[in-house]
Amino acid sequence: MEQSKQNLIKILLIVNLVISTCAAIGVGYIAYKQNTSPNFSEMEPRGDGRMFPGNGQFQPGQFQPGQDQSDQTQ
């Protein structure tokens, strides 16, 4: 009886190790795929159908519509 409990524990430990290894590989694969593919949630439409990266905020010195080039601070 004691021997069968030890064998069961060994089997469960091996199964746990296999599941943990598969989970780690899966997480690594997802992280790799997200790192190499473009993130469209961080892209914004330009108005001409194309996309460009950004967060919707203008950077300092960037021309804003309705503003003359002479109005920008250098």
C-alpha atoms as a PDB file:
ATOM      1  CA  MET A   1       0.000   0.000   0.000  1.00  0.00           C
ATOM      2  CA  GLU A   2       2.798   2.381   0.932  1.00  0.00           C
ATOM      3  CA  GLN A   3       4.636   1.574  -2.303  1.00  0.00           C
ATOM      4  CA  SER A   4       1.572   2.380  -4.425  1.00  0.00           C
ATOM      5  CA  LYS A   5       1.167   5.766  -2.673  1.00  0.00           C
ATOM      6  CA  GLN A   6       4.775   6.624  -3.443  1.00  0.00           C
ATOM      7  CA  ASN A   7       4.323   5.617  -7.077  1.00  0.00           C
ATOM      8  CA  LEU A   8       1.152   7.711  -7.309  1.00  0.00           C
ATOM      9  CA  ILE A   9       2.970  10.729  -5.840  1.00  0.00           C
ATOM     10  CA  LYS A  10       5.823  10.273  -8.339  1.00  0.00           C
ATOM     11  CA  ILE A  11       3.353  10.082 -11.222  1.00  0.00           C
ATOM     12  CA  LEU A  12       1.520  13.189 -10.024  1.00  0.00           C
ATOM     13  CA  LEU A  13       4.804  15.090  -9.671  1.00  0.00           C
ATOM     14  CA  ILE A  14       5.787  14.151 -13.219  1.00  0.00           C
ATOM     15  CA  VAL A  15       2.370  15.195 -14.553  1.00  0.00           C
ATOM     16  CA  ASN A  16       2.678  18.486 -12.663  1.00  0.00           C
ATOM     17  CA  LEU A  17       6.132  19.061 -14.162  1.00  0.00           C
ATOM     18  CA  VAL A  18       4.855  18.375 -17.691  1.00  0.00           C
ATOM     19  CA  ILE A  19       1.884  20.718 -17.279  1.00  0.00           C
ATOM     20  CA  SER A  20       4.080  23.477 -15.828  1.00  0.00           C
ATOM     21  CA  THR A  21       6.578  23.114 -18.670  1.00  0.00           C
ATOM     22  CA  CYS A  22       3.814  23.326 -21.284  1.00  0.00           C
ATOM     23  CA  ALA A  23       2.377  26.412 -19.577  1.00  0.00           C
ATOM     24  CA  ALA A  24       5.790  28.117 -19.488  1.00  0.00           C
ATOM     25  CA  ILE A  25       6.355  27.353 -23.178  1.00  0.00           C
ATOM     26  CA  GLY A  26       2.896  28.696 -24.016  1.00  0.00           C
ATOM     27  CA  VAL A  27       3.436  31.938 -22.123  1.00  0.00           C
ATOM     28  CA  GLY A  28       6.818  32.400 -23.771  1.00  0.00           C
ATOM     29  CA  TYR A  29       5.312  31.790 -27.200  1.00  0.00           C
ATOM     30  CA  ILE A  30       2.516  34.311 -26.614  1.00  0.00           C
ATOM     31  CA  ALA A  31       4.996  36.914 -25.359  1.00  0.00           C
ATOM     32  CA  TYR A  32       7.174  36.328 -28.429  1.00  0.00           C
ATOM     33  CA  LYS A  33       4.238  36.601 -30.837  1.00  0.00           C
ATOM     34  CA  GLN A  34       3.008  39.826 -29.230  1.00  0.00           C
ATOM     35  CA  ASN A  35       6.498  41.283 -29.362  1.00  0.00           C
ATOM     36  CA  THR A  36       6.959  40.532 -33.068  1.00  0.00           C
ATOM     37  CA  SER A  37       3.485  41.471 -34.358  1.00  0.00           C
ATOM     38  CA  PRO A  38       2.135  45.033 -34.581  1.00  0.00           C
ATOM     39  CA  ASN A  39      -0.202  46.105 -31.802  1.00  0.00           C
ATOM     40  CA  PHE A  40      -3.182  47.632 -33.590  1.00  0.00           C
ATOM     41  CA  SER A  41      -4.732  48.828 -30.329  1.00  0.00           C
ATOM     42  CA  GLU A  42      -1.918  51.410 -30.115  1.00  0.00           C
ATOM     43  CA  MET A  43      -2.466  52.586 -33.691  1.00  0.00           C
ATOM     44  CA  GLU A  44      -4.688  55.478 -34.710  1.00  0.00           C
ATOM     45  CA  PRO A  45      -6.299  56.281 -38.049  1.00  0.00           C
ATOM     46  CA  ARG A  46      -4.716  59.094 -40.057  1.00  0.00           C
ATOM     47  CA  GLY A  47      -7.872  59.904 -41.964  1.00  0.00           C
ATOM     48  CA  ASP A  48      -6.572  58.530 -45.258  1.00  0.00           C
ATOM     49  CA  GLY A  49      -7.115  54.896 -44.339  1.00  0.00           C
ATOM     50  CA  ARG A  50      -3.557  54.340 -43.154  1.00  0.00           C
ATOM     51  CA  MET A  51      -2.546  53.812 -39.539  1.00  0.00           C
ATOM     52  CA  PHE A  52       0.277  55.313 -37.536  1.00  0.00           C
ATOM     53  CA  PRO A  53       1.510  54.593 -33.994  1.00  0.00           C
ATOM     54  CA  GLY A  54       0.552  56.992 -31.250  1.00  0.00           C
ATOM     55  CA  ASN A  55      -1.508  57.531 -28.159  1.00  0.00           C
ATOM     56  CA  GLY A  56      -3.665  60.416 -29.391  1.00  0.00           C
ATOM     57  CA  GLN A  57      -1.536  63.126 -27.814  1.00  0.00           C
ATOM     58  CA  PHE A  58       0.500  65.638 -29.754  1.00  0.00           C
ATOM     59  CA  GLN A  59       4.192  65.839 -29.053  1.00  0.00           C
ATOM     60  CA  PRO A  60       5.784  69.226 -28.316  1.00  0.00           C
ATOM     61  CA  GLY A  61       6.635  71.049 -31.521  1.00  0.00           C
ATOM     62  CA  GLN A  62       4.236  68.963 -33.585  1.00  0.00           C
ATOM     63  CA  PHE A  63       1.971  70.861 -35.957  1.00  0.00           C
ATOM     64  CA  GLN A  64      -1.674  70.794 -34.923  1.00  0.00           C
ATOM     65  CA  PRO A  65      -4.563  71.395 -37.347  1.00  0.00           C
ATOM     66  CA  GLY A  66      -5.869  74.949 -37.201  1.00  0.00           C
ATOM     67  CA  GLN A  67      -2.496  76.286 -36.136  1.00  0.00           C
ATOM     68  CA  ASP A  68      -0.107  78.257 -38.294  1.00  0.00           C
ATOM     69  CA  GLN A  69       3.483  77.133 -38.606  1.00  0.00           C
ATOM     70  CA  SER A  70       4.510  80.510 -37.170  1.00  0.00           C
ATOM     71  CA  ASP A  71       2.463  79.844 -33.986  1.00  0.00           C
ATOM     72  CA  GLN A  72       4.668  76.932 -32.936  1.00  0.00           C
ATOM     73  CA  THR A  73       7.203  77.546 -30.204  1.00  0.00           C
ATOM     74  CA  GLN A  74      10.684  76.494 -31.159  1.00  0.00           C
END
